[in-house]
Each structure stands twice: as C-alpha cells, then as structure tokens.
Amino acid sequence: MTTKTKIFFFSSLILALAVFTGLSVKELRYVANDAYGFGEKLEYKVGYKFITAGTGYFYILPKPVSYNGRDCYDVRFQVRSLKALEWIYRVKDEYRTLIDVSGIFPWQFEQHIREGNYSRDSKAIFDQINNFAKSEKKTISTPEYIHDIVSAFFFVRTQDLSSMKNGHVFYLRNYIDDSTYKLGVRIIRRETIEVEAGKFRTIVIQPLVNEGGLFKSEGSIYIWVSDDSRKIPVKVATKILIGYVGAELVRFSGTRGPVDAKIE
C-alpha cells in the first residue's frame, strides 16, 4: 500500500467514523428554566385539618452532580412523621432524583419507603439517549424524555403556567414500577391562600394520576403553586376517605429569584 493510498484509507475511515458518530449520538433537548436552581429548599408541615402529623421538604443540593458527563440537579424529597406520633404510625419516605440541568429530565431515581410495617426500596436508571429504563428487576423501553414522579413536578415548574387558561390540560410520560403511563396536568383555577410561610397568589393544578403518585390516595390531588416565575408548591392536598390530608409551606430559602406571588 502506497503512502497516498494509506493517507486516503485512513482519511476515509476517520470521515466514516465521524459521520457514524454524528448520526448515532442523540442531541438532547434544552428546556429554559427560571423556576429553581441549586440550593433551593422548601419545608412543609404535613397533616390532617388542624393536626400536624409530620414534616417534609424538597431540597436541591447546592452543587451540581456530574452524570454521563452532564451537570445534574441532585434533588431530595422527604416526608417523615413527628417523633411524638411514631408510636401510632411511623413514616419516613425518601426520594432522590438526578435531573439534567439543561434538559430537565431524570437520569437516575431512588425511592425508600418506610410506613408502619411496610418498607420498600427501588431504583431506576434512565438512558435518555436510547430510551430505556433499567431497574433491579428488568429493563423496559420508554418514550422520549421519560420522567419519574419527582422530576415530573420539577419539569412542570418550568412551564408557563400563568399563560394557561383554567381547564387547560397538558401531558407528559412517567415511569413507575417497571411501566410507563401518561400523566396529565390540569389547570384548575387561580386562588390566593395563606399558609405559615405567608400569603400567596397561586395557580391550582391537578395531576391526573392513575398510579405512582407521591401520595397514596383514593381521590384527587391538588397542588397550589405560586403564580410567578418560581412556581413553588405552596400547598398540596389529597383526598382520602375521611377528608383531605396534605402539606403546607412553612419556610423557603435559596430560590432562584424573588417570589413575587408572596403578598405578605
């Protein structure tokens, strides 16, 4: 093989590899996000009517975590019963998800449930390039940009909810227990409410959940989010047999910017 032939051969090989690589690597989406950032912490009291039974929080760790060479939000969600009430019913539920900073989709999800005598641990890894999810039990194909139950809400916070009319419904796809399902989100109404953290103008949204929600419920779930760019969850209520149980915002810190919907 002559020198010119070798040069032509290797140049052609490099070009072919470059073309193949360019075709095989998926260009991941970008989602604009002014709603939240690193270090945001939202703290709640959880209870029924006037009885506080526990506490909870959403917390985005202050520094990014690298996953697949991409920066991620390390988001923690926890609900736990008050120690004084643990003799009646002990709850300690913990969730963790790694959300891609640029694309607002999850790469990894963990769930650790401790409720009374019931316990459950699960973990899923999402391949958002080749569209599959892998758990300890099995690997399944998924729709593009599949969400877990925590990342779904953080994606919803990036949407322009203020421009949506009452009754409007939009959809995304969720993963739970080795299966996927369609999750609808309905805009219910605008409402001003007062909680321990203050008085807020809010948009009431309703996740149309068949399964896999953050709360076990036989009925509807409603979420009051601040009617501004932050869209922080101010209140959550889910219907049970004896009424509504839910969470109300107690304090917040580390928000990406001012919470303009806070009136006082």
Protein backbone atom coordinates (compact mmCIF):
# COMPACT_ATOMS: atom_id res chain seq x y z
CA MET A 1 0.00 0.00 0.00
CA THR A 2 1.50 3.31 -1.10
CA THR A 3 1.74 6.36 1.16
CA LYS A 4 -1.00 8.17 -0.77
CA THR A 5 -3.23 5.10 -0.55
CA LYS A 6 -2.67 4.85 3.22
CA ILE A 7 -3.50 8.54 3.67
CA PHE A 8 -6.68 8.16 1.62
CA PHE A 9 -7.67 5.00 3.52
CA PHE A 10 -7.22 6.49 6.98
CA SER A 11 -8.84 9.79 5.98
CA SER A 12 -11.86 7.91 4.67
CA LEU A 13 -12.02 5.81 7.84
CA ILE A 14 -11.92 8.90 10.07
CA LEU A 15 -14.64 10.59 7.98
CA ALA A 16 -16.82 7.50 8.12
CA LEU A 17 -16.45 7.27 11.90
CA ALA A 18 -17.27 10.95 12.27
CA VAL A 19 -20.41 10.60 10.16
CA PHE A 20 -21.47 7.44 12.01
CA THR A 21 -20.87 9.04 15.40
CA GLY A 22 -22.80 12.14 14.41
CA LEU A 23 -25.77 10.07 13.33
CA SER A 24 -25.74 7.79 16.37
CA VAL A 25 -25.41 10.40 19.13
CA LYS A 26 -28.74 11.97 20.04
CA GLU A 27 -28.81 15.72 20.53
CA LEU A 28 -30.58 16.13 23.85
CA ARG A 29 -33.18 18.83 24.33
CA TYR A 30 -32.79 22.13 26.14
CA VAL A 31 -35.54 23.41 28.46
CA ALA A 32 -35.40 27.00 29.70
CA ASN A 33 -35.65 27.12 33.49
CA ASP A 34 -36.13 30.27 35.54
CA ALA A 35 -38.11 28.49 38.27
CA TYR A 36 -35.42 26.98 40.51
CA GLY A 37 -31.71 26.42 40.93
CA PHE A 38 -29.07 24.92 43.18
CA GLY A 39 -29.66 25.30 46.91
CA GLU A 40 -33.44 25.75 46.85
CA LYS A 41 -35.09 24.32 49.96
CA LEU A 42 -38.85 24.17 50.57
CA GLU A 43 -40.04 23.00 54.00
CA TYR A 44 -43.54 21.79 54.87
CA LYS A 45 -45.76 20.66 57.67
CA VAL A 46 -47.86 17.62 56.85
CA GLY A 47 -51.17 16.81 58.48
CA TYR A 48 -54.93 16.49 58.55
CA LYS A 49 -57.07 19.58 59.20
CA PHE A 50 -55.52 21.25 62.30
CA ILE A 51 -53.35 18.28 63.29
CA THR A 52 -49.68 18.40 62.29
CA ALA A 53 -48.53 14.82 61.89
CA GLY A 54 -45.19 15.25 60.18
CA THR A 55 -42.75 17.34 58.18
CA GLY A 56 -41.38 17.26 54.70
CA TYR A 57 -39.05 19.06 52.32
CA PHE A 58 -37.84 19.43 48.76
CA TYR A 59 -34.13 20.22 48.60
CA ILE A 60 -31.87 20.78 45.60
CA LEU A 61 -28.31 20.27 46.80
CA PRO A 62 -26.10 23.39 46.42
CA LYS A 63 -23.65 21.88 43.90
CA PRO A 64 -24.21 20.04 40.61
CA VAL A 65 -23.61 16.30 40.30
CA SER A 66 -22.00 15.02 37.10
CA TYR A 67 -23.76 12.12 35.38
CA ASN A 68 -22.90 10.91 31.87
CA GLY A 69 -20.68 13.98 31.63
CA ARG A 70 -23.63 16.34 32.20
CA ASP A 71 -24.47 18.60 35.15
CA CYS A 72 -27.46 17.47 37.20
CA TYR A 73 -29.62 18.79 40.00
CA ASP A 74 -29.43 16.39 42.95
CA VAL A 75 -33.00 16.66 44.26
CA ARG A 76 -34.06 15.17 47.60
CA PHE A 77 -37.64 14.80 48.79
CA GLN A 78 -38.54 13.53 52.25
CA VAL A 79 -41.66 13.10 54.38
CA ARG A 80 -41.46 11.86 57.95
CA SER A 81 -43.81 11.62 60.90
CA LEU A 82 -43.29 13.60 64.09
CA LYS A 83 -41.33 11.60 66.66
CA ALA A 84 -44.11 12.14 69.20
CA LEU A 85 -46.54 10.32 66.88
CA GLU A 86 -44.31 7.49 65.70
CA TRP A 87 -45.80 5.14 68.28
CA ILE A 88 -49.10 5.47 66.39
CA TYR A 89 -47.78 5.30 62.82
CA ARG A 90 -44.18 5.83 61.73
CA VAL A 91 -43.46 7.34 58.33
CA LYS A 92 -40.09 8.01 56.73
CA ASP A 93 -40.27 8.27 52.95
CA GLU A 94 -37.23 9.42 50.98
CA TYR A 95 -36.81 10.10 47.26
CA ARG A 96 -33.79 11.15 45.25
CA THR A 97 -33.59 12.03 41.58
CA LEU A 98 -30.80 13.36 39.37
CA ILE A 99 -32.31 15.87 36.92
CA ASP A 100 -30.36 17.06 33.88
CA VAL A 101 -29.78 20.80 34.29
CA SER A 102 -30.11 21.60 30.59
CA GLY A 103 -32.85 19.20 29.54
CA ILE A 104 -34.90 18.86 32.80
CA PHE A 105 -35.23 15.08 32.59
CA PRO A 106 -34.03 12.40 35.03
CA TRP A 107 -31.01 10.13 34.74
CA GLN A 108 -31.49 8.25 37.99
CA PHE A 109 -34.24 7.81 40.60
CA GLU A 110 -34.33 6.24 44.07
CA GLN A 111 -37.24 5.59 46.40
CA HIS A 112 -37.05 4.43 50.03
CA ILE A 113 -40.42 3.94 51.72
CA ARG A 114 -40.94 3.25 55.42
CA GLU A 115 -44.57 3.42 56.51
CA GLY A 116 -45.62 1.45 59.60
CA ASN A 117 -44.57 -2.14 58.99
CA TYR A 118 -44.32 -1.59 55.24
CA SER A 119 -40.98 -0.94 53.57
CA ARG A 120 -39.85 -0.70 50.00
CA ASP A 121 -36.69 0.30 48.16
CA SER A 122 -36.43 0.81 44.43
CA LYS A 123 -34.03 2.38 41.96
CA ALA A 124 -34.19 3.15 38.25
CA ILE A 125 -31.57 4.32 35.77
CA PHE A 126 -32.79 6.12 32.66
CA ASP A 127 -30.99 6.00 29.32
CA GLN A 128 -32.42 9.13 27.76
CA ILE A 129 -30.35 8.67 24.61
CA ASN A 130 -31.54 5.17 23.70
CA ASN A 131 -34.89 5.45 25.53
CA PHE A 132 -34.98 2.71 28.11
CA ALA A 133 -35.21 2.42 31.90
CA LYS A 134 -33.41 -0.17 33.98
CA SER A 135 -34.41 -1.28 37.49
CA GLU A 136 -33.21 -4.12 39.71
CA LYS A 137 -35.88 -6.33 38.13
CA LYS A 138 -35.98 -5.53 34.43
CA THR A 139 -35.21 -3.17 31.56
CA ILE A 140 -38.04 -1.63 29.55
CA SER A 141 -38.33 0.67 26.55
CA THR A 142 -39.58 4.15 27.35
CA PRO A 143 -40.96 7.15 25.47
CA GLU A 144 -38.61 10.06 24.86
CA TYR A 145 -37.71 12.07 27.96
CA ILE A 146 -39.49 9.83 30.44
CA HIS A 147 -39.97 11.24 33.95
CA ASP A 148 -40.04 9.82 37.44
CA ILE A 149 -42.58 11.08 39.96
CA VAL A 150 -40.28 13.80 41.35
CA SER A 151 -38.69 15.03 38.12
CA ALA A 152 -42.17 15.32 36.57
CA PHE A 153 -43.10 18.03 39.04
CA PHE A 154 -39.83 19.91 38.53
CA PHE A 155 -40.47 19.82 34.78
CA VAL A 156 -43.98 21.20 35.31
CA ARG A 157 -42.45 24.11 37.25
CA THR A 158 -40.53 25.16 34.12
CA GLN A 159 -43.74 25.51 32.10
CA ASP A 160 -45.52 28.82 31.51
CA LEU A 161 -48.49 28.03 33.74
CA SER A 162 -49.55 31.67 34.06
CA SER A 163 -50.47 31.81 30.37
CA MET A 164 -52.64 28.67 30.55
CA LYS A 165 -56.39 29.07 30.96
CA ASN A 166 -58.47 27.29 33.59
CA GLY A 167 -59.36 23.83 32.34
CA HIS A 168 -56.28 23.50 30.11
CA VAL A 169 -54.58 20.07 30.27
CA PHE A 170 -51.08 19.14 29.13
CA TYR A 171 -49.36 15.76 29.24
CA LEU A 172 -46.04 14.09 29.92
CA ARG A 173 -44.93 10.49 30.37
CA ASN A 174 -43.98 8.95 33.72
CA TYR A 175 -42.21 5.81 34.86
CA ILE A 176 -43.13 3.78 37.94
CA ASP A 177 -42.68 0.12 38.89
CA ASP A 178 -41.21 -1.00 35.55
CA SER A 179 -44.01 0.53 33.49
CA THR A 180 -44.87 3.89 31.93
CA TYR A 181 -48.08 5.87 31.91
CA LYS A 182 -49.46 9.16 30.65
CA LEU A 183 -49.62 11.92 33.26
CA GLY A 184 -51.99 14.78 32.62
CA VAL A 185 -51.79 18.12 34.44
CA ARG A 186 -54.95 20.25 34.57
CA ILE A 187 -55.10 23.96 35.37
CA ILE A 188 -57.98 24.34 37.85
CA ARG A 189 -58.17 27.99 38.99
CA ARG A 190 -56.35 30.99 40.47
CA GLU A 191 -56.59 31.45 44.21
CA THR A 192 -54.97 33.49 47.00
CA ILE A 193 -54.16 31.39 50.06
CA GLU A 194 -52.41 31.89 53.38
CA VAL A 195 -50.05 29.36 54.96
CA GLU A 196 -47.39 29.60 57.66
CA ALA A 197 -44.83 30.87 55.13
CA GLY A 198 -47.09 33.78 54.13
CA LYS A 199 -49.89 34.82 51.83
CA PHE A 200 -49.54 33.86 48.16
CA ARG A 201 -51.26 34.27 44.83
CA THR A 202 -51.40 30.74 43.44
CA ILE A 203 -52.41 28.60 40.49
CA VAL A 204 -54.19 25.39 41.48
CA ILE A 205 -53.15 22.42 39.36
CA GLN A 206 -54.39 18.85 39.42
CA PRO A 207 -52.16 15.92 38.41
CA LEU A 208 -54.40 13.39 36.68
CA VAL A 209 -52.68 10.40 38.29
CA ASN A 210 -53.81 6.81 37.85
CA GLU A 211 -50.89 5.40 39.81
CA GLY A 212 -47.42 6.20 41.04
CA GLY A 213 -48.10 9.50 42.79
CA LEU A 214 -46.27 10.86 45.79
CA PHE A 215 -49.33 10.22 47.97
CA LYS A 216 -51.48 7.11 48.32
CA SER A 217 -54.97 8.36 47.61
CA GLU A 218 -58.36 7.18 46.51
CA GLY A 219 -59.28 10.54 45.06
CA SER A 220 -57.93 13.76 43.63
CA ILE A 221 -54.64 15.53 44.28
CA TYR A 222 -54.41 19.33 44.13
CA ILE A 223 -51.27 21.46 44.18
CA TRP A 224 -51.19 25.24 44.77
CA VAL A 225 -48.10 26.71 43.09
CA SER A 226 -47.03 30.34 43.37
CA ASP A 227 -48.33 32.38 40.43
CA ASP A 228 -44.96 33.76 39.38
CA SER A 229 -41.72 32.63 37.76
CA ARG A 230 -40.70 30.41 40.73
CA LYS A 231 -43.88 28.27 40.80
CA ILE A 232 -43.01 26.89 44.22
CA PRO A 233 -45.53 24.42 45.68
CA VAL A 234 -47.26 26.34 48.48
CA LYS A 235 -49.82 23.68 49.39
CA VAL A 236 -50.70 20.10 48.48
CA ALA A 237 -53.95 18.32 49.33
CA THR A 238 -55.02 14.80 48.52
CA LYS A 239 -58.46 13.36 49.20
CA ILE A 240 -58.76 10.33 51.46
CA LEU A 241 -61.83 8.60 52.88
CA ILE A 242 -62.15 10.97 55.84
CA GLY A 243 -61.35 14.24 54.08
CA TYR A 244 -58.17 15.86 52.83
CA VAL A 245 -54.63 15.35 54.05
CA GLY A 246 -51.80 17.45 52.76
CA ALA A 247 -48.80 19.69 53.19
CA GLU A 248 -48.39 23.45 53.64
CA LEU A 249 -45.28 25.55 53.11
CA VAL A 250 -43.62 26.64 56.36
CA ARG A 251 -40.48 28.32 55.04
CA PHE A 252 -38.36 28.55 51.90
CA SER A 253 -34.81 29.56 51.05
CA GLY A 254 -32.36 29.54 48.16
CA THR A 255 -34.93 30.37 45.48
CA ARG A 256 -33.63 31.35 42.07
CA GLY A 257 -35.09 34.83 42.42
CA PRO A 258 -37.80 36.73 44.29
CA VAL A 259 -41.12 35.02 44.91
CA ASP A 260 -43.30 37.80 43.53
CA ALA A 261 -46.54 35.94 44.28
CA LYS A 262 -45.91 36.31 48.02
CA ILE A 263 -48.21 39.15 49.06
CA GLU A 264 -47.27 39.31 52.76
